């Protein structure tokens, strides 16, 4: 998910997406600890997506203040 896609979402959609992405990241990390993933870079992509969502939410909160 690119930052352009994130900016098009509403605040509620970002929060929902953030919950989904965090759950997915936890599953990936757990699966990777049990058996190595075929593509371990999925972990990095998931972390960056979560960071983008958090950053956009924080920026919107600062704008409102």
N, C-alpha and C. Protein backbone atom coordinates (compact mmCIF):
# COMPACT_ATOMS: atom_id res chain seq x y z
N UNK A 1 0.85 -1.16 0.00
CA UNK A 1 0.00 0.00 0.00
C UNK A 1 0.90 1.23 0.00
N UNK A 2 0.68 2.10 -0.97
CA UNK A 2 1.49 3.31 -1.07
C UNK A 2 0.88 4.43 -0.25
N UNK A 3 1.66 5.47 -0.03
CA UNK A 3 1.18 6.60 0.76
C UNK A 3 0.03 7.31 0.05
N UNK A 4 0.03 7.27 -1.26
CA UNK A 4 -1.06 7.88 -2.03
C UNK A 4 -2.38 7.16 -1.74
N UNK A 5 -2.34 5.85 -1.67
CA UNK A 5 -3.53 5.07 -1.35
C UNK A 5 -3.99 5.33 0.08
N UNK A 6 -3.04 5.50 0.99
CA UNK A 6 -3.37 5.75 2.39
C UNK A 6 -4.07 7.10 2.53
N UNK A 7 -3.58 8.10 1.83
CA UNK A 7 -4.16 9.44 1.93
C UNK A 7 -5.58 9.52 1.41
N UNK A 8 -5.96 8.60 0.56
CA UNK A 8 -7.32 8.58 0.02
C UNK A 8 -8.33 7.98 1.00
N UNK A 9 -7.85 7.29 2.03
CA UNK A 9 -8.73 6.65 3.00
C UNK A 9 -9.20 7.65 4.06
N UNK A 10 -10.37 7.37 4.64
CA UNK A 10 -10.85 8.18 5.76
C UNK A 10 -10.16 7.72 7.04
N UNK A 11 -10.35 8.49 8.11
CA UNK A 11 -9.71 8.14 9.39
C UNK A 11 -10.16 6.77 9.87
N UNK A 12 -11.45 6.51 9.80
CA UNK A 12 -11.97 5.21 10.26
C UNK A 12 -11.44 4.07 9.42
N UNK A 13 -11.35 4.28 8.11
CA UNK A 13 -10.82 3.23 7.23
C UNK A 13 -9.35 2.95 7.56
N UNK A 14 -8.61 4.01 7.88
CA UNK A 14 -7.20 3.82 8.23
C UNK A 14 -7.08 3.02 9.52
N UNK A 15 -7.90 3.34 10.51
CA UNK A 15 -7.85 2.59 11.78
C UNK A 15 -8.20 1.12 11.57
N UNK A 16 -9.22 0.86 10.76
CA UNK A 16 -9.61 -0.52 10.48
C UNK A 16 -8.50 -1.25 9.74
N UNK A 17 -7.92 -0.58 8.76
CA UNK A 17 -6.85 -1.19 7.98
C UNK A 17 -5.62 -1.46 8.86
N UNK A 18 -5.37 -0.54 9.81
CA UNK A 18 -4.25 -0.69 10.72
C UNK A 18 -4.43 -1.94 11.58
N UNK A 19 -5.64 -2.16 12.07
CA UNK A 19 -5.91 -3.37 12.86
C UNK A 19 -5.67 -4.63 12.04
N UNK A 20 -6.16 -4.62 10.81
CA UNK A 20 -5.99 -5.78 9.92
C UNK A 20 -4.51 -6.03 9.63
N UNK A 21 -3.79 -4.97 9.33
CA UNK A 21 -2.37 -5.11 9.00
C UNK A 21 -1.56 -5.61 10.20
N UNK A 22 -1.90 -5.13 11.40
CA UNK A 22 -1.19 -5.60 12.60
C UNK A 22 -1.44 -7.08 12.84
N UNK A 23 -2.69 -7.51 12.68
CA UNK A 23 -2.99 -8.94 12.85
C UNK A 23 -2.24 -9.78 11.83
N UNK A 24 -2.23 -9.31 10.59
CA UNK A 24 -1.53 -10.03 9.53
C UNK A 24 -0.03 -10.11 9.82
N UNK A 25 0.55 -9.02 10.31
CA UNK A 25 1.97 -8.99 10.64
C UNK A 25 2.29 -9.98 11.76
N UNK A 26 1.43 -10.02 12.78
CA UNK A 26 1.66 -10.97 13.87
C UNK A 26 1.61 -12.41 13.39
N UNK A 27 0.66 -12.70 12.49
CA UNK A 27 0.58 -14.06 11.93
C UNK A 27 1.82 -14.39 11.12
N UNK A 28 2.27 -13.43 10.30
CA UNK A 28 3.47 -13.66 9.50
C UNK A 28 4.67 -13.93 10.39
N UNK A 29 4.82 -13.13 11.43
CA UNK A 29 5.96 -13.29 12.33
C UNK A 29 5.91 -14.63 13.05
N UNK A 30 4.72 -15.03 13.48
CA UNK A 30 4.58 -16.32 14.14
C UNK A 30 4.90 -17.46 13.17
N UNK A 31 4.36 -17.39 11.98
CA UNK A 31 4.64 -18.43 10.98
C UNK A 31 6.13 -18.49 10.64
N UNK A 32 6.76 -17.33 10.59
CA UNK A 32 8.18 -17.28 10.26
C UNK A 32 9.03 -17.89 11.38
N UNK A 33 8.58 -17.74 12.61
CA UNK A 33 9.35 -18.32 13.72
C UNK A 33 9.23 -19.84 13.75
N UNK A 34 8.10 -20.36 13.28
CA UNK A 34 7.89 -21.81 13.26
C UNK A 34 8.60 -22.42 12.06
N UNK A 35 8.26 -21.94 10.88
CA UNK A 35 8.92 -22.39 9.66
C UNK A 35 9.25 -21.16 8.83
N UNK A 36 10.44 -21.10 8.27
CA UNK A 36 10.83 -19.91 7.50
C UNK A 36 9.87 -19.64 6.34
N UNK A 37 9.59 -18.36 6.14
CA UNK A 37 8.72 -17.96 5.04
C UNK A 37 9.46 -18.12 3.72
N UNK A 38 8.68 -18.32 2.66
CA UNK A 38 9.28 -18.39 1.33
C UNK A 38 9.88 -17.04 0.95
N UNK A 39 9.19 -15.97 1.36
CA UNK A 39 9.63 -14.62 1.03
C UNK A 39 9.67 -13.80 2.32
N UNK A 40 10.80 -13.80 3.04
CA UNK A 40 10.87 -13.10 4.31
C UNK A 40 10.76 -11.58 4.19
N UNK A 41 10.87 -11.05 2.99
CA UNK A 41 10.72 -9.60 2.83
C UNK A 41 9.27 -9.16 3.05
N UNK A 42 8.35 -10.12 3.13
CA UNK A 42 6.96 -9.80 3.45
C UNK A 42 6.87 -9.14 4.81
N UNK A 43 7.73 -9.52 5.74
CA UNK A 43 7.75 -8.93 7.07
C UNK A 43 8.10 -7.44 6.98
N UNK A 44 9.08 -7.12 6.19
CA UNK A 44 9.50 -5.72 6.02
C UNK A 44 8.39 -4.89 5.37
N UNK A 45 7.75 -5.45 4.37
CA UNK A 45 6.65 -4.74 3.69
C UNK A 45 5.50 -4.49 4.65
N UNK A 46 5.18 -5.47 5.47
CA UNK A 46 4.09 -5.32 6.43
C UNK A 46 4.42 -4.24 7.46
N UNK A 47 5.65 -4.23 7.95
CA UNK A 47 6.06 -3.21 8.92
C UNK A 47 5.98 -1.81 8.32
N UNK A 48 6.41 -1.67 7.09
CA UNK A 48 6.38 -0.36 6.44
C UNK A 48 4.95 0.11 6.19
N UNK A 49 4.07 -0.81 5.85
CA UNK A 49 2.66 -0.45 5.65
C UNK A 49 2.05 0.04 6.95
N UNK A 50 2.34 -0.65 8.03
CA UNK A 50 1.83 -0.24 9.35
C UNK A 50 2.38 1.15 9.69
N UNK A 51 3.64 1.38 9.43
CA UNK A 51 4.25 2.68 9.71
C UNK A 51 3.59 3.79 8.89
N UNK A 52 3.29 3.52 7.63
CA UNK A 52 2.63 4.52 6.78
C UNK A 52 1.25 4.89 7.34
N UNK A 53 0.51 3.88 7.77
CA UNK A 53 -0.82 4.13 8.32
C UNK A 53 -0.74 4.95 9.60
N UNK A 54 0.17 4.60 10.48
CA UNK A 54 0.33 5.33 11.74
C UNK A 54 0.77 6.77 11.46
N UNK A 55 1.69 6.95 10.53
CA UNK A 55 2.19 8.28 10.21
C UNK A 55 1.08 9.17 9.67
N UNK A 56 0.25 8.64 8.80
CA UNK A 56 -0.84 9.43 8.23
C UNK A 56 -1.86 9.79 9.30
N UNK A 57 -2.19 8.85 10.19
CA UNK A 57 -3.12 9.15 11.29
C UNK A 57 -2.56 10.25 12.18
N UNK A 58 -1.29 10.16 12.49
CA UNK A 58 -0.66 11.16 13.35
C UNK A 58 -0.65 12.53 12.67
N UNK A 59 -0.36 12.57 11.39
CA UNK A 59 -0.34 13.83 10.65
C UNK A 59 -1.74 14.47 10.64
N UNK A 60 -2.76 13.66 10.48
CA UNK A 60 -4.12 14.19 10.49
C UNK A 60 -4.50 14.72 11.87
N UNK A 61 -4.05 14.05 12.92
CA UNK A 61 -4.34 14.53 14.27
C UNK A 61 -3.66 15.87 14.52
N UNK A 62 -2.44 16.03 14.04
CA UNK A 62 -1.73 17.29 14.21
C UNK A 62 -2.39 18.41 13.41
N UNK A 63 -2.92 18.12 12.25
CA UNK A 63 -3.62 19.12 11.45
C UNK A 63 -4.86 19.64 12.17
N UNK A 64 -5.57 18.74 12.84
CA UNK A 64 -6.80 19.13 13.52
C UNK A 64 -6.52 20.04 14.71
N UNK A 65 -5.36 19.93 15.31
CA UNK A 65 -5.04 20.74 16.47
C UNK A 65 -4.57 22.06 16.03
